Amino acid sequence: MLLTLALRHLFVRKARALLLLFGYSIGAGVMLVLLSVGEAMLIQSRDVALVGGGEVTALPEGIDLEGLRTGSQSGLFYGIDRARFVTRQLLGGPRHREVVAAVSPVIEQKLVYLTHAGRTLTVRAGGEIPSRAAAVGASLRLVAGRWEDTRGDIAFINPSREELYDELDRFHLPEGNDSTWGEWHYFNVVTGPEEWWYISYVVGGLVGRGHWGGQLLVTHRRGDGSLRRYMAAIPSGSVQIDTASADLILGSSSVRQHEGVYRIMGTAPGLAFDLEVTPAAHQFFPAVEREEQDLRSGYVVPALRASATGTFCVDETCRRVQHAAAYHDHNWGEWHGTTWEWGVGTGSRFTLLYGGVLAEGRDTLSGSSPFFLALFDSLGALQVYRFEQVRRSGARPARGAPGVLSPTNLELVARRDRDTLRLSIRVLDAQGSRSEAGGFARWFLQLRGEFALEGTAGGARVDDKGRGFFETYVKQGVRSQESGVRDELPSVWTLMNRPSRNTDILLPALTDNPPPTLKANLVSPSCSTEPSSSFTLKKPTPPSR
C-alpha cells in the first residue's frame, strides 16, 4: 500500500517530487565529496614528504608541485638562493615584523648516500632549525633525547654583528690555475664635499701555490680636483688571508673586523691611515657568485652605507675625520676578459646599488644582460630590478687620462614585475686609468655624480635625489654610446686603484603591505648555495592590553 501511494504521489505531484529528488542528490553528493576530502587529508597527513606547520609555503620558482610530492626528479636541482638573506631580511627582517612572527628554513628530500662495510644505502634526509620549527607548529615528536638549536643554527637565524660580517666578508681560494685571480676589500671614504678616498686591499695570482702577493692601492681626490695615488706591493710571505673571517693582513697594512666594526690601517710611501668603519644596520647586499665557462667571480656589499672615523697622514701631516660617509664591498674571481658597470648612491630616503659584470664578447643588447639595481631604505632591501643597458651622453675630460672623454650623463631604466625605476646621473667629476689587455684600447672611468630616481617599488611611488660614485668603460674619444661589448681587463697587478666587481642576482620582491596573515613554508627538495631550502612564516600574536 505504501509503495503504491509513493508511486502515485510521484505522478500526481511531479514538481514537488523532482525537487525532493534533486535535494537528496545534492546532499548525497556533498557527503561523498566531504568523505573524499577527509580521506585525502588523512593520506597526506601520513605522507613522508609532508612539510608541516606554517600558514604559507613558498617554493623555488619553476618547481613541479605534484612532482615534488611524488618524488619526481624535477625538483632535484632546485633550491632557494641566498637563503640566509631571505630569512633574516626579506621575510624575517624589520619591514614585516608586524606581520611575520617566525620564519622556519627547512631542507627537504635531500638525497644522501651512506656507505658502511662495503654497502651503500640511498636515503632521503632533511634538516630544520628546532626553535623555528616549534614556532610554526612543526616540531618533531621525540622518542628520546633532545632536539635543540646548535650554535650554527643560532648563527644562521640571528648571528651577532661579528658573525654576520665575517660570514659575508670572508676570503676565498682560487680553484683553478688562472693567474688573473684577484680578491680585494674596497673602501670608499668621503672626507669633504669635493674630497674622497678610494682604498683597495688586493690579493692576486695563484694564491698559496704559485706566484702571488698583495697590494695596497689608494687614490686621493683632493678638494682642488687634483689626484694623488699611493701604492705598496707586499710579497706573499707577508700576506695573511682568512677564509672564515674578513681579516686580511698585507704587511703593515690590515683589515680587521670585530663586533661589526672594521679597523682598516694602511701604509705606503707618503701615506698612513687608521680608520674605524661602522656599517649601518640592514644596509648589506648578500654574497653572489657567478660561474660560467672559464669565468668565476663573486661580489658582496657588507656596508652599503657606513661611517668612518680616524686619521689620514699625508707626508707626515695628519688630519682627523669624524663620521665621514663610507662604503665597503668585497670582490673575488678570475678577471680575464671582463668589464663592468657599477654605481652606488645615497639620497635623503633611499640608497641604490647597481652593477653587472660582462665577459669578453658578451653583448648587453642581446638580451642576456646581467645588470641589476637594488633599492634600499632604512629597513633594508626594498626592491631589486633588472635593466639592459646604461645610456651615456655628453662629453667631458677625464682626469689622469689625457685625451679621454667621459660622459656627462648616464641614464638607465630598470624593471621588476609591475615596478619601474628610472635613474638619471649627472657626472660631476671623472678620472680614468688605462686598460689595454688583450689588445683592446679601453679606459676605466671612476665617476662622482648627482643622481635623481623616480618610479615605483612594491607598487608605491618613490623618488629621491643624492650623490654617489659610478664606474664604466669607454673607448678613447667616444662622445656618446651605450654599454655593449666589453674588452679584457689588465691583470690584478696593473689595476690602477679600483679592481673589478661582479654581481648577477634576482631576489624576491616584497611590498610594504603584505597580506594580513602570513605564516609560510619555503620548501625545496635540495639547497643550492646555502643549507636552507624551506621557510615557514607565522603571523605574530597581538600584544595583550
Protein backbone atom coordinates (compact mmCIF):
# COMPACT_ATOMS: atom_id res chain seq x y z
CA MET A 1 0.00 0.00 0.00
CA LEU A 2 2.80 2.49 0.96
CA LEU A 3 4.70 1.75 -2.23
CA THR A 4 1.53 2.33 -4.29
CA LEU A 5 0.91 5.71 -2.57
CA ALA A 6 4.50 6.79 -3.15
CA LEU A 7 4.41 5.96 -6.82
CA ARG A 8 1.05 7.72 -7.30
CA HIS A 9 2.45 10.78 -5.46
CA LEU A 10 5.36 10.96 -7.90
CA PHE A 11 2.98 11.18 -10.82
CA VAL A 12 0.42 13.48 -9.16
CA ARG A 13 2.94 15.95 -7.64
CA LYS A 14 5.65 15.86 -10.28
CA ALA A 15 7.32 19.22 -9.47
CA ARG A 16 7.47 18.52 -5.73
CA ALA A 17 8.85 15.03 -6.36
CA LEU A 18 11.57 16.34 -8.67
CA LEU A 19 12.56 18.97 -6.10
CA LEU A 20 12.85 16.37 -3.35
CA LEU A 21 14.92 14.07 -5.55
CA PHE A 22 17.21 16.98 -6.51
CA GLY A 23 17.74 17.94 -2.87
CA TYR A 24 18.50 14.37 -1.91
CA SER A 25 21.04 14.08 -4.76
CA ILE A 26 22.80 17.29 -3.73
CA GLY A 27 23.05 16.11 -0.14
CA ALA A 28 24.42 12.74 -1.14
CA GLY A 29 26.95 14.38 -3.47
CA VAL A 30 28.19 16.80 -0.79
CA MET A 31 28.61 13.92 1.63
CA LEU A 32 30.67 11.97 -0.92
CA VAL A 33 32.92 14.99 -1.57
CA LEU A 34 33.49 15.55 2.16
CA LEU A 35 34.36 11.91 2.66
CA SER A 36 36.79 12.05 -0.27
CA VAL A 37 38.46 15.22 1.06
CA GLY A 38 38.74 13.68 4.50
CA GLU A 39 40.35 10.56 3.08
CA ALA A 40 42.80 12.67 1.02
CA MET A 41 43.77 14.71 4.10
CA LEU A 42 44.32 11.52 6.07
CA ILE A 43 46.57 10.13 3.33
CA GLN A 44 48.53 13.40 3.07
CA SER A 45 48.96 13.59 6.83
CA ARG A 46 50.80 10.25 6.65
CA ASP A 47 52.93 11.35 3.66
CA VAL A 48 56.66 11.05 4.40
CA ALA A 49 57.27 14.13 2.26
CA LEU A 50 54.96 16.35 4.29
CA VAL A 51 56.36 19.67 5.50
CA GLY A 52 54.22 20.70 8.45
CA GLY A 53 53.49 23.98 10.17
CA GLY A 54 53.15 27.46 8.83
CA GLU A 55 50.41 29.32 7.04
CA VAL A 56 52.14 29.95 3.72
CA THR A 57 54.51 27.60 1.89
CA ALA A 58 56.93 29.15 -0.61
CA LEU A 59 58.75 27.00 -3.17
CA PRO A 60 61.54 27.72 -5.68
CA GLU A 61 60.16 29.17 -8.89
CA GLY A 62 59.66 26.59 -11.62
CA ILE A 63 59.28 23.53 -9.44
CA ASP A 64 56.57 20.95 -10.18
CA LEU A 65 54.40 20.75 -7.06
CA GLU A 66 52.96 17.31 -7.82
CA GLY A 67 56.39 16.09 -8.86
CA LEU A 68 57.80 17.29 -5.55
CA ARG A 69 55.23 15.29 -3.60
CA THR A 70 55.66 12.14 -5.63
CA GLY A 71 59.45 12.27 -5.74
CA SER A 72 59.87 13.43 -9.35
CA GLN A 73 63.36 14.43 -10.49
CA SER A 74 62.01 17.87 -11.49
CA GLY A 75 62.90 19.15 -8.03
CA LEU A 76 66.33 17.63 -7.57
CA PHE A 77 68.33 20.71 -8.53
CA TYR A 78 66.06 23.46 -7.27
CA GLY A 79 66.97 25.50 -4.23
CA ILE A 80 66.41 28.89 -2.67
CA ASP A 81 69.47 31.04 -3.27
CA ARG A 82 70.78 33.32 -0.55
CA ALA A 83 68.54 31.65 1.99
CA ARG A 84 70.17 33.47 4.90
CA PHE A 85 69.35 36.86 3.35
CA VAL A 86 65.77 35.76 2.68
CA THR A 87 65.40 34.51 6.26
CA ARG A 88 66.97 37.46 8.04
CA GLN A 89 65.91 40.42 5.94
CA LEU A 90 63.43 39.83 3.12
CA LEU A 91 60.99 37.71 5.16
CA GLY A 92 62.14 37.87 8.76
CA GLY A 93 63.50 41.41 8.82
CA PRO A 94 62.09 44.56 10.42
CA ARG A 95 59.98 45.51 7.38
CA HIS A 96 57.44 42.73 8.07
CA ARG A 97 57.81 42.44 11.82
CA GLU A 98 54.16 43.34 12.43
CA VAL A 99 53.02 40.55 10.14
CA VAL A 100 55.63 37.78 10.30
CA ALA A 101 56.16 36.15 13.67
CA ALA A 102 58.52 33.35 12.65
CA VAL A 103 60.44 32.13 9.61
CA SER A 104 61.45 28.48 9.57
CA PRO A 105 64.03 27.35 6.96
CA VAL A 106 63.90 23.66 6.04
CA ILE A 107 65.86 21.29 3.82
CA GLU A 108 63.52 18.63 2.47
CA GLN A 109 64.08 15.49 0.37
CA LYS A 110 67.84 15.79 0.17
CA LEU A 111 69.39 12.73 -1.47
CA VAL A 112 72.14 11.18 0.68
CA TYR A 113 74.27 8.08 0.15
CA LEU A 114 75.50 6.22 3.23
CA THR A 115 78.36 3.76 2.86
CA HIS A 116 79.38 1.31 5.57
CA ALA A 117 81.19 -2.03 5.47
CA GLY A 118 81.08 -2.12 1.68
CA ARG A 119 77.34 -1.42 1.49
CA THR A 120 75.84 1.78 0.10
CA LEU A 121 72.34 2.86 1.10
CA THR A 122 70.28 5.58 -0.51
CA VAL A 123 68.27 7.66 1.94
CA ARG A 124 66.23 10.83 1.99
CA ALA A 125 67.30 13.43 4.52
CA GLY A 126 66.07 16.76 5.74
CA GLY A 127 67.02 19.45 8.20
CA GLU A 128 65.29 22.09 10.29
CA ILE A 129 66.12 24.61 12.99
CA PRO A 130 64.42 23.29 16.16
CA SER A 131 63.30 26.60 17.68
CA ARG A 132 61.91 27.87 14.38
CA ALA A 133 60.13 24.61 13.63
CA ALA A 134 58.50 24.78 17.06
CA ALA A 135 57.49 28.41 16.47
CA VAL A 136 55.44 27.42 13.43
CA GLY A 137 53.97 24.28 14.98
CA ALA A 138 56.12 21.76 13.17
CA SER A 139 58.27 20.30 15.96
CA LEU A 140 59.32 16.69 15.78
CA ARG A 141 57.91 14.12 18.19
CA LEU A 142 60.92 12.94 20.13
CA VAL A 143 61.06 9.38 21.39
CA ALA A 144 64.28 10.04 23.31
CA GLY A 145 66.98 12.66 23.61
CA ARG A 146 66.82 16.40 22.96
CA TRP A 147 66.31 18.49 19.83
CA GLU A 148 67.68 21.98 20.41
CA ASP A 149 69.34 24.74 18.41
CA THR A 150 73.07 24.36 17.92
CA ARG A 151 75.42 27.32 17.73
CA GLY A 152 75.32 27.01 13.95
CA ASP A 153 71.50 27.16 13.99
CA ILE A 154 71.57 30.34 16.05
CA ALA A 155 74.17 31.91 13.75
CA PHE A 156 72.04 31.06 10.70
CA ILE A 157 68.93 32.77 12.08
CA ASN A 158 70.27 35.56 14.27
CA PRO A 159 74.04 35.99 14.01
CA SER A 160 75.95 38.52 16.05
CA ARG A 161 77.30 41.51 14.12
CA GLU A 162 80.76 39.98 14.14
CA GLU A 163 79.44 36.65 12.83
CA LEU A 164 77.37 38.39 10.15
CA TYR A 165 80.24 40.41 8.69
CA ASP A 166 82.72 37.54 8.90
CA GLU A 167 80.23 35.36 7.04
CA LEU A 168 79.67 38.00 4.34
CA ASP A 169 83.24 39.21 4.03
CA ARG A 170 85.41 36.08 4.27
CA PHE A 171 88.16 35.37 1.77
CA HIS A 172 88.27 32.60 -0.85
CA LEU A 173 90.86 30.45 -2.56
CA PRO A 174 91.17 30.03 -6.34
CA GLU A 175 90.09 26.65 -7.66
CA GLY A 176 91.96 26.68 -10.97
CA ASN A 177 95.30 27.88 -12.30
CA ASP A 178 94.21 31.23 -13.67
CA SER A 179 96.85 33.85 -12.83
CA THR A 180 94.26 36.65 -13.17
CA TRP A 181 92.64 35.52 -9.92
CA GLY A 182 92.18 38.52 -7.66
CA GLU A 183 90.34 39.27 -4.43
CA TRP A 184 90.10 42.52 -2.55
CA HIS A 185 88.49 44.66 0.11
CA TYR A 186 87.40 48.04 -1.27
CA PHE A 187 86.56 51.07 0.87
CA ASN A 188 85.33 54.47 -0.26
CA VAL A 189 85.54 57.36 2.23
CA VAL A 190 84.15 60.87 1.56
CA THR A 191 86.02 63.43 3.68
CA GLY A 192 84.55 66.60 2.14
CA PRO A 193 82.14 67.90 -0.49
CA GLU A 194 84.87 67.67 -3.16
CA GLU A 195 87.28 65.25 -1.48
CA TRP A 196 87.26 61.47 -1.22
CA TRP A 197 89.49 58.39 -0.97
CA TYR A 198 89.45 55.06 -2.85
CA ILE A 199 91.18 52.32 -0.81
CA SER A 200 91.77 48.74 -2.06
CA TYR A 201 93.48 45.85 -0.27
CA VAL A 202 94.26 43.39 -3.09
CA VAL A 203 95.45 39.78 -3.14
CA GLY A 204 96.13 38.23 -6.55
CA GLY A 205 97.80 35.47 -8.53
CA LEU A 206 97.99 31.75 -7.81
CA VAL A 207 97.28 32.22 -4.11
CA GLY A 208 99.01 29.70 -1.87
CA ARG A 209 100.67 27.64 -4.61
CA GLY A 210 102.41 29.84 -7.15
CA HIS A 211 103.40 33.42 -7.92
CA TRP A 212 101.13 35.65 -5.86
CA GLY A 213 101.16 38.58 -3.47
CA GLY A 214 99.28 41.65 -2.29
CA GLN A 215 98.95 45.36 -2.94
CA LEU A 216 97.59 48.36 -1.12
CA LEU A 217 96.16 50.79 -3.70
CA VAL A 218 94.89 54.23 -2.68
CA THR A 219 93.70 57.21 -4.71
CA HIS A 220 93.08 60.57 -3.05
CA ARG A 221 90.88 63.03 -4.89
CA ARG A 222 91.76 66.34 -3.25
CA GLY A 223 89.48 69.32 -2.76
CA ASP A 224 91.13 71.26 -5.61
CA GLY A 225 90.33 68.45 -8.05
CA SER A 226 93.85 67.04 -8.31
CA LEU A 227 94.64 63.35 -7.86
CA ARG A 228 97.36 61.60 -5.90
CA ARG A 229 97.89 57.86 -5.99
CA TYR A 230 99.68 55.64 -3.47
CA MET A 231 100.78 52.03 -3.85
CA ALA A 232 102.60 49.45 -1.73
CA ALA A 233 103.44 45.95 -3.01
CA ILE A 234 103.52 43.15 -0.43
CA PRO A 235 105.25 39.80 -1.04
CA SER A 236 103.26 36.62 -0.40
CA GLY A 237 105.26 35.86 2.73
CA SER A 238 103.79 38.97 4.39
CA VAL A 239 100.19 38.30 3.32
CA GLN A 240 97.67 36.58 5.60
CA ILE A 241 94.12 35.83 4.46
CA ASP A 242 91.33 34.16 6.41
CA THR A 243 88.69 32.03 4.68
CA ALA A 244 86.49 32.18 7.80
CA SER A 245 86.57 35.92 8.50
CA ALA A 246 87.00 39.36 6.98
CA ASP A 247 90.51 39.81 8.39
CA LEU A 248 93.35 40.49 5.97
CA ILE A 249 96.99 41.41 6.62
CA LEU A 250 99.19 42.92 3.90
CA GLY A 251 102.47 43.56 5.67
CA SER A 252 101.98 46.69 7.78
CA SER A 253 98.50 47.27 6.30
CA SER A 254 95.46 45.38 7.52
CA VAL A 255 91.69 44.99 7.67
CA ARG A 256 90.25 43.61 10.91
CA GLN A 257 86.60 43.24 11.84
CA HIS A 258 85.43 42.99 15.45
CA GLU A 259 81.83 43.19 16.69
CA GLY A 260 80.68 44.68 13.40
CA VAL A 261 83.30 47.46 13.21
CA TYR A 262 86.12 47.42 10.64
CA ARG A 263 89.54 48.69 11.65
CA ILE A 264 91.44 49.50 8.46
CA MET A 265 95.08 50.55 8.55
CA GLY A 266 97.48 51.23 5.72
CA THR A 267 100.96 52.48 4.96
CA ALA A 268 102.51 53.40 1.62
CA PRO A 269 105.23 55.88 0.63
CA GLY A 270 103.86 59.29 1.64
CA LEU A 271 100.70 57.92 3.28
CA ALA A 272 99.48 56.36 6.52
CA PHE A 273 95.91 55.98 7.71
CA ASP A 274 93.99 54.40 10.56
CA LEU A 275 90.18 54.30 10.38
CA GLU A 276 87.22 52.63 12.06
CA VAL A 277 84.40 51.95 9.58
CA THR A 278 80.99 51.16 11.09
CA PRO A 279 78.30 49.75 8.73
CA ALA A 280 74.71 51.00 9.10
CA ALA A 281 72.10 48.44 10.20
CA HIS A 282 70.34 46.44 7.45
CA GLN A 283 72.48 48.03 4.73
CA PHE A 284 74.16 44.98 3.20
CA PHE A 285 73.84 43.08 -0.06
CA PRO A 286 74.32 39.28 0.06
CA ALA A 287 77.22 37.40 -1.48
CA VAL A 288 76.71 36.38 -5.10
CA GLU A 289 78.99 34.15 -7.14
CA ARG A 290 78.82 33.54 -10.89
CA GLU A 291 80.41 30.61 -12.64
CA GLU A 292 80.18 30.20 -16.38
CA GLN A 293 82.69 28.54 -18.69
CA ASP A 294 86.11 29.89 -17.63
CA LEU A 295 84.73 32.77 -15.58
CA ARG A 296 84.28 32.70 -11.82
CA SER A 297 83.56 35.92 -9.98
CA GLY A 298 81.90 36.94 -6.74
CA TYR A 299 80.66 40.11 -5.10
CA VAL A 300 79.25 41.15 -1.75
CA VAL A 301 78.49 44.52 -0.13
CA PRO A 302 78.83 44.32 3.66
CA ALA A 303 78.41 48.09 4.07
CA LEU A 304 76.24 49.88 1.55
CA ARG A 305 76.23 52.81 3.97
CA ALA A 306 78.76 53.31 6.75
CA SER A 307 80.59 55.97 8.75
CA ALA A 308 84.37 56.31 9.09
CA THR A 309 86.32 57.91 11.92
CA GLY A 310 90.11 58.14 12.18
CA THR A 311 93.17 59.81 10.69
CA PHE A 312 94.86 60.28 7.33
CA CYS A 313 98.53 61.25 7.37
CA VAL A 314 99.97 62.57 4.08
CA ASP A 315 103.68 63.41 4.03
CA GLU A 316 103.64 63.30 7.86
CA THR A 317 100.83 65.87 8.08
CA CYS A 318 97.88 64.23 9.84
CA ARG A 319 94.21 65.08 9.64
CA ARG A 320 91.38 63.59 11.67
CA VAL A 321 87.99 62.78 10.17
CA GLN A 322 84.77 62.16 12.14
CA HIS A 323 81.77 60.19 10.91
CA ALA A 324 82.70 60.53 7.25
CA ALA A 325 80.35 58.82 4.78
CA ALA A 326 81.82 55.47 3.70
CA TYR A 327 81.11 52.36 1.62
CA HIS A 328 82.66 48.87 1.56
CA ASP A 329 82.45 45.92 -0.82
CA HIS A 330 84.40 42.73 -1.48
CA ASN A 331 85.18 41.09 -4.83
CA TRP A 332 86.84 37.86 -5.91
CA GLY A 333 87.31 35.80 -9.05
CA GLU A 334 89.12 35.48 -12.36
CA TRP A 335 89.15 38.74 -14.25
CA HIS A 336 90.43 38.00 -17.75
CA GLY A 337 88.19 39.35 -20.49
CA THR A 338 85.74 41.20 -18.22
CA THR A 339 84.43 44.72 -17.75
CA TRP A 340 81.57 46.07 -15.69
CA GLU A 341 79.02 48.78 -14.96
CA TRP A 342 78.64 49.77 -11.31
CA GLY A 343 77.22 52.53 -9.16
CA VAL A 344 76.21 53.35 -5.59
CA GLY A 345 74.34 56.42 -4.38
CA THR A 346 72.77 57.75 -1.20
CA GLY A 347 69.81 60.11 -1.12
CA SER A 348 67.64 61.54 1.62
CA ARG A 349 65.33 58.49 1.73
CA PHE A 350 66.91 55.71 -0.31
CA THR A 351 70.24 54.11 -1.14
CA LEU A 352 70.78 52.47 -4.52
CA LEU A 353 73.26 49.93 -5.84
CA TYR A 354 73.55 48.78 -9.44
CA GLY A 355 76.03 46.69 -11.36
CA GLY A 356 76.90 43.79 -13.58
CA VAL A 357 79.99 42.10 -14.99
CA LEU A 358 80.37 41.20 -18.64
CA ALA A 359 82.77 38.70 -20.17
CA GLU A 360 84.57 39.45 -23.42
CA GLY A 361 82.27 39.16 -26.43
CA ARG A 362 79.07 39.31 -24.40
CA ASP A 363 76.75 41.96 -25.73
CA THR A 364 74.34 43.61 -23.30
CA LEU A 365 71.99 44.41 -26.16
CA SER A 366 71.50 40.72 -26.95
CA GLY A 367 69.02 40.21 -24.12
CA SER A 368 71.45 38.36 -21.82
CA SER A 369 72.32 41.29 -19.59
CA PRO A 370 73.39 40.55 -16.02
CA PHE A 371 72.61 44.08 -14.79
CA PHE A 372 70.65 44.62 -11.59
CA LEU A 373 69.62 47.59 -9.47
CA ALA A 374 68.81 47.22 -5.76
CA LEU A 375 66.90 49.89 -3.86
CA PHE A 376 67.30 50.15 -0.07
CA ASP A 377 65.62 52.17 2.64
CA SER A 378 66.31 52.25 6.39
CA LEU A 379 64.75 48.77 6.81
CA GLY A 380 66.90 47.08 4.18
CA ALA A 381 66.24 45.85 0.64
CA LEU A 382 63.04 47.33 -0.77
CA GLN A 383 63.15 46.09 -4.36
CA VAL A 384 65.60 44.50 -6.84
CA TYR A 385 65.21 45.38 -10.53
CA ARG A 386 66.79 44.32 -13.83
CA PHE A 387 67.96 46.59 -16.65
CA GLU A 388 69.53 46.05 -20.06
CA GLN A 389 71.89 48.95 -20.62
CA VAL A 390 73.33 52.22 -19.36
CA ARG A 391 72.84 55.06 -21.81
CA ARG A 392 75.61 57.65 -21.96
CA SER A 393 75.53 61.16 -23.41
CA GLY A 394 77.71 64.25 -23.49
CA ALA A 395 81.48 64.51 -23.10
CA ARG A 396 83.95 66.00 -20.64
CA PRO A 397 87.69 65.44 -19.99
CA ALA A 398 88.66 62.66 -17.58
CA ARG A 399 91.36 63.44 -15.01
CA GLY A 400 94.51 61.37 -15.30
CA ALA A 401 93.62 60.30 -18.86
CA PRO A 402 94.77 62.90 -21.43
CA GLY A 403 92.55 62.99 -24.49
CA VAL A 404 89.93 60.67 -22.97
CA LEU A 405 86.35 61.89 -22.77
CA SER A 406 83.95 60.85 -20.04
CA PRO A 407 80.19 61.02 -20.49
CA THR A 408 78.44 63.88 -18.72
CA ASN A 409 75.21 61.96 -18.19
CA LEU A 410 74.20 58.37 -17.50
CA GLU A 411 70.67 57.03 -17.62
CA LEU A 412 69.04 53.65 -17.13
CA VAL A 413 65.53 52.25 -16.80
CA ALA A 414 65.12 49.19 -14.55
CA ARG A 415 62.05 46.96 -14.17
CA ARG A 416 60.73 44.22 -11.92
CA ASP A 417 57.24 42.83 -12.49
CA ARG A 418 54.97 45.92 -12.44
CA ASP A 419 57.61 48.17 -10.89
CA THR A 420 59.74 50.53 -12.98
CA LEU A 421 62.56 52.79 -11.82
CA ARG A 422 64.29 55.49 -13.87
CA LEU A 423 67.75 56.63 -12.76
CA SER A 424 69.45 59.73 -14.15
CA ILE A 425 73.04 60.67 -13.24
CA ARG A 426 74.87 63.96 -13.89
CA VAL A 427 78.63 63.47 -13.79
CA LEU A 428 80.46 65.99 -11.59
CA ASP A 429 83.96 64.51 -11.73
CA ALA A 430 85.70 61.81 -13.77
CA GLN A 431 89.07 60.12 -13.53
CA GLY A 432 90.42 57.46 -15.85
CA SER A 433 93.03 54.71 -15.98
CA ARG A 434 94.23 52.69 -18.95
CA SER A 435 93.14 49.13 -19.73
CA GLU A 436 94.66 47.53 -22.83
CA ALA A 437 94.93 43.84 -22.01
CA GLY A 438 94.03 41.55 -24.90
CA GLY A 439 94.91 44.26 -27.43
CA PHE A 440 91.87 46.41 -26.67
CA ALA A 441 92.18 50.14 -26.00
CA ARG A 442 89.73 50.97 -23.24
CA TRP A 443 89.67 53.39 -20.34
CA PHE A 444 88.26 52.59 -16.93
CA LEU A 445 86.36 55.60 -15.55
CA GLN A 446 85.56 56.34 -11.90
CA LEU A 447 82.84 58.96 -11.69
CA ARG A 448 81.36 61.17 -8.99
CA GLY A 449 77.86 62.39 -9.75
CA GLU A 450 74.44 63.59 -8.69
CA PHE A 451 71.51 61.25 -9.27
CA ALA A 452 67.75 61.51 -9.42
CA LEU A 453 65.45 58.49 -9.30
CA GLU A 454 61.72 58.12 -9.78
CA GLY A 455 59.36 55.22 -10.23
CA THR A 456 57.64 52.56 -8.17
CA ALA A 457 58.77 49.95 -5.65
CA GLY A 458 56.29 47.36 -4.47
CA GLY A 459 53.55 49.37 -6.16
CA ALA A 460 54.34 52.52 -4.12
CA ARG A 461 55.63 55.71 -5.67
CA VAL A 462 59.30 56.52 -4.92
CA ASP A 463 61.55 59.43 -5.81
CA ASP A 464 64.80 60.78 -4.39
CA LYS A 465 67.97 62.73 -5.15
CA GLY A 466 71.52 62.43 -3.90
CA ARG A 467 75.16 61.83 -4.75
CA GLY A 468 77.14 58.73 -5.49
CA PHE A 469 80.06 57.00 -7.20
CA PHE A 470 79.82 55.25 -10.55
CA GLU A 471 82.10 53.23 -12.83
CA THR A 472 82.13 52.37 -16.51
CA TYR A 473 84.42 51.77 -19.51
CA VAL A 474 84.84 53.91 -22.63
CA LYS A 475 86.94 53.92 -25.77
CA GLN A 476 89.27 56.86 -26.22
CA GLY A 477 87.46 59.83 -27.71
CA VAL A 478 84.00 58.24 -27.67
CA ARG A 479 81.47 61.00 -27.02
CA SER A 480 78.21 59.13 -26.70
CA GLN A 481 77.48 55.42 -26.56
CA GLU A 482 75.58 52.65 -24.87
CA SER A 483 77.14 49.87 -22.87
CA GLY A 484 77.84 46.95 -25.17
CA VAL A 485 80.65 44.51 -25.92
CA ARG A 486 83.42 44.66 -23.30
CA ASP A 487 87.18 44.26 -23.56
CA GLU A 488 89.66 42.47 -21.37
CA LEU A 489 90.99 43.87 -18.12
CA PRO A 490 94.64 44.00 -17.22
CA SER A 491 95.80 41.58 -14.59
CA VAL A 492 95.20 42.44 -10.96
CA TRP A 493 98.76 43.78 -10.71
CA THR A 494 98.24 46.54 -13.29
CA LEU A 495 94.91 47.82 -12.00
CA MET A 496 95.20 51.46 -11.00
CA ASN A 497 93.36 51.53 -7.68
CA ARG A 498 89.94 50.04 -8.40
CA PRO A 499 89.85 46.32 -9.30
CA SER A 500 86.80 44.79 -10.89
CA ARG A 501 83.50 43.82 -9.35
CA ASN A 502 80.66 41.48 -10.21
CA THR A 503 77.05 40.73 -9.46
CA ASP A 504 74.29 38.72 -11.02
CA ILE A 505 71.24 38.32 -8.80
CA LEU A 506 67.49 38.46 -8.86
CA LEU A 507 65.90 38.40 -5.43
CA PRO A 508 62.26 38.00 -4.46
CA ALA A 509 60.34 41.25 -4.50
CA LEU A 510 58.37 42.17 -1.39
CA THR A 511 55.91 45.01 -0.99
CA ASP A 512 55.42 47.26 2.01
CA ASN A 513 51.93 45.85 2.53
CA PRO A 514 51.96 42.03 2.61
CA PRO A 515 48.80 40.01 3.30
CA PRO A 516 47.25 40.47 6.77
CA THR A 517 48.19 36.92 7.79
CA LEU A 518 51.45 35.34 6.85
CA LYS A 519 52.81 32.03 8.04
CA ALA A 520 54.74 30.18 5.41
CA ASN A 521 56.93 27.30 4.47
CA LEU A 522 59.54 27.96 1.81
CA VAL A 523 60.28 24.45 0.60
CA SER A 524 62.83 22.94 -1.76
CA PRO A 525 63.99 19.36 -2.23
CA SER A 526 67.62 20.46 -2.14
CA CYS A 527 69.67 23.50 -1.31
CA SER A 528 71.79 25.34 -3.86
CA THR A 529 74.24 27.82 -2.37
CA GLU A 530 73.23 27.66 1.28
CA PRO A 531 71.96 24.96 3.65
CA SER A 532 68.36 26.05 3.60
CA SER A 533 65.52 25.30 1.27
CA SER A 534 62.34 25.81 3.21
CA PHE A 535 60.88 28.66 5.21
CA THR A 536 57.83 28.90 7.42
CA LEU A 537 56.31 32.25 8.29
CA LYS A 538 53.88 32.66 11.14
CA LYS A 539 51.63 35.59 11.97
CA PRO A 540 52.55 37.33 15.26
CA THR A 541 50.20 37.26 18.25
CA PRO A 542 48.82 40.74 19.11
CA PRO A 543 50.06 42.06 22.47
CA SER A 544 47.60 41.86 25.36
CA ARG A 545 46.01 45.09 26.50
